[in-house]
N, C-alpha and C. Protein backbone atom coordinates (compact mmCIF):
# COMPACT_ATOMS: atom_id res chain seq x y z
N MET A 1 -53.45 -91.14 11.21
CA MET A 1 -54.57 -90.24 11.14
C MET A 1 -54.18 -88.84 11.64
N ILE A 2 -53.44 -88.78 12.74
CA ILE A 2 -53.04 -87.48 13.26
C ILE A 2 -52.20 -86.74 12.23
N SER A 3 -51.37 -87.47 11.48
CA SER A 3 -50.51 -86.80 10.50
C SER A 3 -51.32 -86.10 9.42
N SER A 4 -52.45 -86.66 9.03
CA SER A 4 -53.26 -85.98 8.01
C SER A 4 -53.91 -84.72 8.57
N ASN A 5 -54.27 -84.75 9.86
CA ASN A 5 -54.82 -83.54 10.49
C ASN A 5 -53.75 -82.46 10.63
N VAL A 6 -52.55 -82.86 10.98
CA VAL A 6 -51.45 -81.90 11.10
C VAL A 6 -51.12 -81.33 9.72
N SER A 7 -51.11 -82.17 8.71
CA SER A 7 -50.86 -81.72 7.34
C SER A 7 -51.90 -80.69 6.92
N SER A 8 -53.15 -80.95 7.24
CA SER A 8 -54.22 -80.01 6.92
C SER A 8 -54.04 -78.69 7.66
N LEU A 9 -53.67 -78.76 8.94
CA LEU A 9 -53.43 -77.53 9.70
C LEU A 9 -52.31 -76.69 9.08
N LEU A 10 -51.23 -77.34 8.68
CA LEU A 10 -50.11 -76.61 8.08
C LEU A 10 -50.50 -76.00 6.73
N SER A 11 -51.25 -76.74 5.94
CA SER A 11 -51.70 -76.23 4.64
C SER A 11 -52.61 -75.03 4.83
N ASN A 12 -53.52 -75.14 5.78
CA ASN A 12 -54.45 -74.05 6.02
C ASN A 12 -53.76 -72.85 6.67
N GLN A 13 -52.67 -73.09 7.38
CA GLN A 13 -51.89 -71.96 7.93
C GLN A 13 -51.27 -71.16 6.78
N THR A 14 -50.73 -71.87 5.78
CA THR A 14 -50.19 -71.19 4.61
C THR A 14 -51.28 -70.40 3.90
N TYR A 15 -52.44 -71.02 3.76
CA TYR A 15 -53.59 -70.36 3.12
C TYR A 15 -53.96 -69.09 3.88
N MET A 16 -54.03 -69.19 5.21
CA MET A 16 -54.39 -68.04 6.04
C MET A 16 -53.32 -66.94 5.93
N ASN A 17 -52.05 -67.32 5.94
CA ASN A 17 -50.97 -66.34 5.82
C ASN A 17 -51.09 -65.57 4.50
N ASN A 18 -51.34 -66.27 3.41
CA ASN A 18 -51.47 -65.62 2.11
C ASN A 18 -52.70 -64.71 2.07
N SER A 19 -53.79 -65.17 2.64
CA SER A 19 -55.00 -64.36 2.67
C SER A 19 -54.77 -63.09 3.51
N ALA A 20 -54.12 -63.23 4.65
CA ALA A 20 -53.83 -62.07 5.50
C ALA A 20 -52.92 -61.08 4.78
N TYR A 21 -51.96 -61.59 4.02
CA TYR A 21 -51.06 -60.73 3.24
C TYR A 21 -51.86 -59.96 2.19
N ASN A 22 -52.79 -60.65 1.54
CA ASN A 22 -53.64 -59.99 0.55
C ASN A 22 -54.48 -58.89 1.18
N VAL A 23 -55.06 -59.17 2.35
CA VAL A 23 -55.89 -58.18 3.03
C VAL A 23 -55.03 -56.99 3.48
N ALA A 24 -53.84 -57.27 3.96
CA ALA A 24 -52.95 -56.19 4.41
C ALA A 24 -52.58 -55.25 3.26
N ASN A 25 -52.62 -55.76 2.04
CA ASN A 25 -52.25 -54.95 0.88
C ASN A 25 -53.45 -54.49 0.06
N VAL A 26 -54.62 -54.48 0.66
CA VAL A 26 -55.84 -54.10 -0.06
C VAL A 26 -55.78 -52.66 -0.57
N ASN A 27 -55.00 -51.80 0.07
CA ASN A 27 -54.87 -50.41 -0.35
C ASN A 27 -53.54 -50.12 -1.05
N THR A 28 -52.78 -51.15 -1.38
CA THR A 28 -51.50 -50.97 -2.06
C THR A 28 -51.73 -50.89 -3.56
N ASP A 29 -51.29 -49.81 -4.17
CA ASP A 29 -51.47 -49.64 -5.61
C ASP A 29 -50.75 -50.74 -6.39
N ARG A 30 -51.42 -51.22 -7.44
CA ARG A 30 -50.91 -52.25 -8.37
C ARG A 30 -50.60 -53.59 -7.70
N PHE A 31 -51.18 -53.85 -6.55
CA PHE A 31 -50.94 -55.12 -5.85
C PHE A 31 -51.72 -56.25 -6.52
N THR A 32 -51.03 -57.33 -6.83
CA THR A 32 -51.70 -58.54 -7.33
C THR A 32 -51.65 -59.59 -6.22
N PRO A 33 -52.81 -60.08 -5.81
CA PRO A 33 -52.86 -60.99 -4.66
C PRO A 33 -52.37 -62.39 -4.99
N TYR A 34 -52.14 -63.16 -3.93
CA TYR A 34 -51.81 -64.57 -4.05
C TYR A 34 -53.10 -65.38 -4.07
N ASN A 35 -53.13 -66.39 -4.89
CA ASN A 35 -54.24 -67.34 -4.90
C ASN A 35 -53.73 -68.64 -4.29
N THR A 36 -54.47 -69.19 -3.36
CA THR A 36 -54.06 -70.42 -2.69
C THR A 36 -55.16 -71.46 -2.83
N THR A 37 -54.76 -72.67 -3.16
CA THR A 37 -55.67 -73.80 -3.18
C THR A 37 -55.05 -74.92 -2.35
N ILE A 38 -55.91 -75.76 -1.82
CA ILE A 38 -55.46 -76.92 -1.03
C ILE A 38 -55.71 -78.16 -1.88
N SER A 39 -54.70 -79.01 -1.98
CA SER A 39 -54.87 -80.25 -2.73
C SER A 39 -54.39 -81.43 -1.90
N GLU A 40 -54.88 -82.59 -2.24
CA GLU A 40 -54.52 -83.82 -1.52
C GLU A 40 -53.22 -84.37 -2.08
N THR A 41 -52.38 -84.88 -1.19
CA THR A 41 -51.13 -85.50 -1.61
C THR A 41 -51.33 -87.00 -1.76
N GLU A 42 -50.34 -87.67 -2.30
CA GLU A 42 -50.43 -89.11 -2.52
C GLU A 42 -50.56 -89.90 -1.23
N ASN A 43 -49.96 -89.42 -0.15
CA ASN A 43 -49.98 -90.16 1.11
C ASN A 43 -51.18 -89.81 1.99
N GLY A 44 -52.17 -89.09 1.44
CA GLY A 44 -53.38 -88.79 2.19
C GLY A 44 -53.37 -87.47 2.94
N GLY A 45 -52.27 -86.74 2.85
CA GLY A 45 -52.20 -85.43 3.49
C GLY A 45 -52.69 -84.36 2.54
N THR A 46 -52.42 -83.14 2.89
CA THR A 46 -52.80 -82.01 2.03
C THR A 46 -51.61 -81.09 1.87
N LYS A 47 -51.66 -80.27 0.82
CA LYS A 47 -50.63 -79.26 0.65
C LYS A 47 -51.25 -78.01 0.06
N ALA A 48 -50.68 -76.87 0.40
CA ALA A 48 -51.15 -75.59 -0.11
C ALA A 48 -50.40 -75.27 -1.40
N ASN A 49 -51.13 -74.88 -2.42
CA ASN A 49 -50.55 -74.48 -3.69
C ASN A 49 -50.79 -72.98 -3.85
N THR A 50 -49.71 -72.22 -3.95
CA THR A 50 -49.82 -70.77 -4.02
C THR A 50 -49.32 -70.27 -5.36
N THR A 51 -50.13 -69.42 -5.99
CA THR A 51 -49.74 -68.76 -7.24
C THR A 51 -50.07 -67.28 -7.12
N ARG A 52 -49.42 -66.50 -7.92
CA ARG A 52 -49.70 -65.06 -7.96
C ARG A 52 -50.78 -64.83 -9.01
N ALA A 53 -51.76 -64.01 -8.70
CA ALA A 53 -52.82 -63.69 -9.65
C ALA A 53 -52.22 -62.96 -10.85
N VAL A 54 -52.85 -63.08 -11.98
CA VAL A 54 -52.41 -62.38 -13.18
C VAL A 54 -52.86 -60.92 -13.08
N SER A 55 -51.93 -60.02 -13.28
CA SER A 55 -52.25 -58.60 -13.20
C SER A 55 -53.18 -58.20 -14.34
N ASN A 56 -54.18 -57.42 -14.00
CA ASN A 56 -55.09 -56.93 -15.04
C ASN A 56 -54.74 -55.50 -15.46
N GLY A 57 -53.61 -55.01 -15.00
CA GLY A 57 -53.15 -53.68 -15.37
C GLY A 57 -53.78 -52.55 -14.56
N SER A 58 -54.55 -52.89 -13.56
CA SER A 58 -55.22 -51.88 -12.75
C SER A 58 -54.22 -51.10 -11.90
N GLU A 59 -54.51 -49.83 -11.69
CA GLU A 59 -53.69 -49.00 -10.83
C GLU A 59 -53.96 -49.29 -9.35
N LYS A 60 -55.10 -49.88 -9.06
CA LYS A 60 -55.49 -50.18 -7.68
C LYS A 60 -55.18 -51.64 -7.35
N SER A 61 -55.25 -51.96 -6.08
CA SER A 61 -55.07 -53.34 -5.64
C SER A 61 -56.15 -54.23 -6.23
N GLN A 62 -55.79 -55.43 -6.59
CA GLN A 62 -56.74 -56.38 -7.16
C GLN A 62 -57.30 -57.34 -6.11
N THR A 63 -57.03 -57.06 -4.85
CA THR A 63 -57.52 -57.91 -3.77
C THR A 63 -59.04 -57.80 -3.66
N ASN A 64 -59.70 -58.96 -3.65
CA ASN A 64 -61.15 -59.02 -3.47
C ASN A 64 -61.39 -59.25 -1.98
N LEU A 65 -61.70 -58.19 -1.26
CA LEU A 65 -61.82 -58.26 0.20
C LEU A 65 -62.91 -59.22 0.66
N SER A 66 -64.04 -59.25 -0.03
CA SER A 66 -65.12 -60.15 0.39
C SER A 66 -64.71 -61.61 0.24
N LYS A 67 -63.94 -61.94 -0.79
CA LYS A 67 -63.45 -63.32 -0.96
C LYS A 67 -62.46 -63.66 0.15
N GLU A 68 -61.56 -62.75 0.44
CA GLU A 68 -60.54 -63.02 1.46
C GLU A 68 -61.16 -63.23 2.84
N ILE A 69 -62.14 -62.43 3.20
CA ILE A 69 -62.76 -62.57 4.52
C ILE A 69 -63.54 -63.88 4.63
N THR A 70 -64.29 -64.23 3.58
CA THR A 70 -65.03 -65.50 3.64
C THR A 70 -64.06 -66.69 3.63
N ASP A 71 -62.94 -66.58 2.90
CA ASP A 71 -61.93 -67.64 2.95
C ASP A 71 -61.37 -67.79 4.36
N GLN A 72 -61.11 -66.67 5.02
CA GLN A 72 -60.56 -66.73 6.37
C GLN A 72 -61.53 -67.39 7.35
N ILE A 73 -62.81 -67.14 7.19
CA ILE A 73 -63.80 -67.79 8.05
C ILE A 73 -63.79 -69.29 7.82
N SER A 74 -63.73 -69.72 6.57
CA SER A 74 -63.68 -71.15 6.25
C SER A 74 -62.42 -71.80 6.80
N ILE A 75 -61.29 -71.11 6.65
CA ILE A 75 -60.02 -71.64 7.15
C ILE A 75 -60.09 -71.82 8.66
N GLU A 76 -60.68 -70.87 9.35
CA GLU A 76 -60.83 -70.95 10.81
C GLU A 76 -61.64 -72.18 11.21
N LYS A 77 -62.73 -72.46 10.49
CA LYS A 77 -63.59 -73.61 10.80
C LYS A 77 -62.85 -74.92 10.53
N VAL A 78 -62.10 -74.98 9.44
CA VAL A 78 -61.33 -76.19 9.12
C VAL A 78 -60.28 -76.44 10.20
N ALA A 79 -59.60 -75.38 10.62
CA ALA A 79 -58.58 -75.53 11.66
C ALA A 79 -59.19 -76.02 12.97
N ALA A 80 -60.34 -75.48 13.34
CA ALA A 80 -61.01 -75.92 14.58
C ALA A 80 -61.40 -77.40 14.50
N SER A 81 -61.88 -77.83 13.35
CA SER A 81 -62.25 -79.24 13.16
C SER A 81 -61.04 -80.16 13.27
N ASN A 82 -59.94 -79.76 12.65
CA ASN A 82 -58.72 -80.56 12.72
C ASN A 82 -58.17 -80.63 14.13
N LEU A 83 -58.21 -79.53 14.85
CA LEU A 83 -57.73 -79.53 16.24
C LEU A 83 -58.59 -80.44 17.12
N GLN A 84 -59.89 -80.42 16.92
CA GLN A 84 -60.77 -81.29 17.69
C GLN A 84 -60.49 -82.76 17.38
N ALA A 85 -60.25 -83.07 16.11
CA ALA A 85 -59.94 -84.45 15.73
C ALA A 85 -58.63 -84.91 16.37
N ILE A 86 -57.63 -84.03 16.41
CA ILE A 86 -56.35 -84.38 17.05
C ILE A 86 -56.55 -84.60 18.54
N ARG A 87 -57.31 -83.75 19.19
CA ARG A 87 -57.58 -83.93 20.63
C ARG A 87 -58.28 -85.27 20.90
N THR A 88 -59.27 -85.59 20.09
CA THR A 88 -60.01 -86.84 20.27
C THR A 88 -59.09 -88.05 20.07
N GLN A 89 -58.26 -87.99 19.04
CA GLN A 89 -57.33 -89.10 18.79
C GLN A 89 -56.33 -89.23 19.94
N ASP A 90 -55.88 -88.12 20.48
CA ASP A 90 -54.95 -88.14 21.60
C ASP A 90 -55.60 -88.77 22.83
N GLU A 91 -56.85 -88.39 23.09
CA GLU A 91 -57.57 -88.97 24.23
C GLU A 91 -57.77 -90.47 24.05
N MET A 92 -58.12 -90.90 22.84
CA MET A 92 -58.33 -92.33 22.57
C MET A 92 -57.03 -93.10 22.75
N LEU A 93 -55.92 -92.54 22.26
CA LEU A 93 -54.63 -93.20 22.41
C LEU A 93 -54.25 -93.29 23.89
N GLY A 94 -54.51 -92.21 24.65
CA GLY A 94 -54.23 -92.23 26.09
C GLY A 94 -55.05 -93.28 26.80
N SER A 95 -56.32 -93.43 26.45
CA SER A 95 -57.18 -94.45 27.06
C SER A 95 -56.68 -95.84 26.71
N LEU A 96 -56.28 -96.02 25.47
CA LEU A 96 -55.78 -97.34 25.04
C LEU A 96 -54.51 -97.69 25.81
N LEU A 97 -53.62 -96.73 26.00
CA LEU A 97 -52.40 -96.98 26.75
C LEU A 97 -52.70 -97.27 28.21
N ASP A 98 -53.71 -96.58 28.77
CA ASP A 98 -54.10 -96.85 30.16
C ASP A 98 -54.64 -98.28 30.31
N ILE A 99 -55.43 -98.72 29.36
CA ILE A 99 -55.97 -100.07 29.40
C ILE A 99 -54.86 -101.10 29.27
N ARG A 100 -53.95 -100.84 28.36
CA ARG A 100 -52.84 -101.76 28.09
C ARG A 100 -51.89 -101.85 29.29
N GLY A 101 -51.71 -100.70 29.98
CA GLY A 101 -50.75 -100.66 31.10
C GLY A 101 -51.33 -101.20 32.33
């Protein structure tokens, strides 16, 4: 169970990194942002899938700032949930080991 939470944290870190890169380049001419999606793997974990957006020929950056900021808020909430789940599992495992010992 902890491995799926760690997998999710790593996937969402990649997502956050790409989103931050897009935001950092919001004023860069002809910048095409990265699109990131999270998908489930066969073993129950997650992975980040990153692609480059298709350029529309615009002279300005194609970064959608409102999308990036709302994505970052969602990523933050997912990360907090996964960290809490890992802490809870760690406490339960510690209690089980204390009982066993």
